[in-house]
Amino acid sequence: MPYSKLSEEMKEYDRIWADKILDNVPFKCPIYQCGGIMVAKERAYPEGMNEDDFPDGYTGDFQTPDLVCTNCNSVYSLNLKNEK
């Protein structure tokens, strides 16, 4: 079944498991292939904003953690545009 057809409850369940996998399955730096391990690092809030500006949570792509290499510090960011 396509992800878009899942209920919100099932999507949330999927997100929880995806986070567990990202946090526990190391993979090597795909950017410079330096041999470092990519680790999840939460994104900072936009300049001039903090958690009080997002009472319902940090939404969209901004809540997706960046992956940072433990060796060369390169950053892999996921940026999606909501296009219909």
Protein backbone atom coordinates (compact mmCIF):
# COMPACT_ATOMS: atom_id res chain seq x y z
CA MET A 1 0.00 0.00 0.00
CA PRO A 2 1.41 3.47 -0.85
CA TYR A 3 2.44 5.60 2.12
CA SER A 4 -0.06 8.32 1.13
CA LYS A 5 -2.93 5.82 1.61
CA LEU A 6 -1.97 4.94 5.21
CA SER A 7 -3.94 6.27 8.16
CA GLU A 8 -2.31 9.00 10.26
CA GLU A 9 -1.95 6.48 13.09
CA MET A 10 -0.03 4.08 10.84
CA LYS A 11 2.13 6.91 9.43
CA GLU A 12 3.09 7.91 12.98
CA TYR A 13 3.93 4.29 13.80
CA ASP A 14 6.10 4.21 10.67
CA ARG A 15 7.88 7.42 11.68
CA ILE A 16 8.67 6.03 15.12
CA TRP A 17 10.28 2.92 13.62
CA ALA A 18 12.15 4.97 11.00
CA ASP A 19 13.65 7.09 13.81
CA LYS A 20 14.72 3.95 15.69
CA ILE A 21 16.41 2.61 12.58
CA LEU A 22 18.19 5.89 11.81
CA ASP A 23 19.42 6.06 15.40
CA ASN A 24 20.73 2.49 15.50
CA VAL A 25 21.93 1.47 12.04
CA PRO A 26 25.25 3.14 11.25
CA PHE A 27 26.20 3.81 7.69
CA LYS A 28 29.34 5.27 6.21
CA CYS A 29 29.75 8.77 4.83
CA PRO A 30 28.27 8.85 1.31
CA ILE A 31 29.46 12.41 0.66
CA TYR A 32 33.25 12.10 0.75
CA GLN A 33 33.41 8.36 1.41
CA CYS A 34 35.94 9.06 4.13
CA GLY A 35 34.98 6.06 6.25
CA GLY A 36 33.21 8.11 8.95
CA ILE A 37 29.82 7.12 10.33
CA MET A 38 26.79 9.34 9.74
CA VAL A 39 24.96 10.26 12.96
CA ALA A 40 21.63 12.07 13.37
CA LYS A 41 21.85 15.63 14.66
CA GLU A 42 18.75 17.72 15.34
CA ARG A 43 18.45 20.87 13.29
CA ALA A 44 18.64 24.22 15.03
CA TYR A 45 15.55 26.41 15.00
CA PRO A 46 15.48 29.15 12.37
CA GLU A 47 17.31 32.31 13.39
CA GLY A 48 15.35 34.33 15.92
CA MET A 49 12.99 31.45 16.77
CA ASN A 50 12.88 28.80 19.50
CA GLU A 51 10.65 25.97 20.72
CA ASP A 52 8.07 28.47 22.04
CA ASP A 53 7.39 29.52 18.44
CA PHE A 54 6.29 25.95 17.59
CA PRO A 55 3.69 24.89 20.20
CA ASP A 56 2.61 21.90 18.11
CA GLY A 57 6.16 20.77 17.43
CA TYR A 58 8.73 21.55 14.80
CA THR A 59 6.91 20.58 11.62
CA GLY A 60 7.78 19.47 8.12
CA ASP A 61 11.30 19.07 6.84
CA PHE A 62 12.66 21.11 9.74
CA GLN A 63 11.98 18.24 12.16
CA THR A 64 13.99 15.82 10.04
CA PRO A 65 17.46 15.52 11.57
CA ASP A 66 20.54 16.17 9.51
CA LEU A 67 23.10 13.39 9.26
CA VAL A 68 26.63 14.49 10.16
CA CYS A 69 29.80 12.52 9.45
CA THR A 70 31.88 11.67 12.53
CA ASN A 71 35.08 11.93 10.48
CA CYS A 72 34.84 14.81 7.98
CA ASN A 73 31.80 16.63 9.50
CA SER A 74 30.00 16.74 6.16
CA VAL A 75 26.24 17.22 6.51
CA TYR A 76 23.54 15.33 4.64
CA SER A 77 20.25 17.24 4.82
CA LEU A 78 16.86 16.12 3.60
CA ASN A 79 14.90 18.99 2.11
CA LEU A 80 11.59 18.22 0.48
CA LYS A 81 9.09 20.60 -1.04
CA ASN A 82 5.43 19.91 -0.57
CA GLU A 83 4.36 19.94 -4.21
CA LYS A 84 0.99 18.78 -5.39
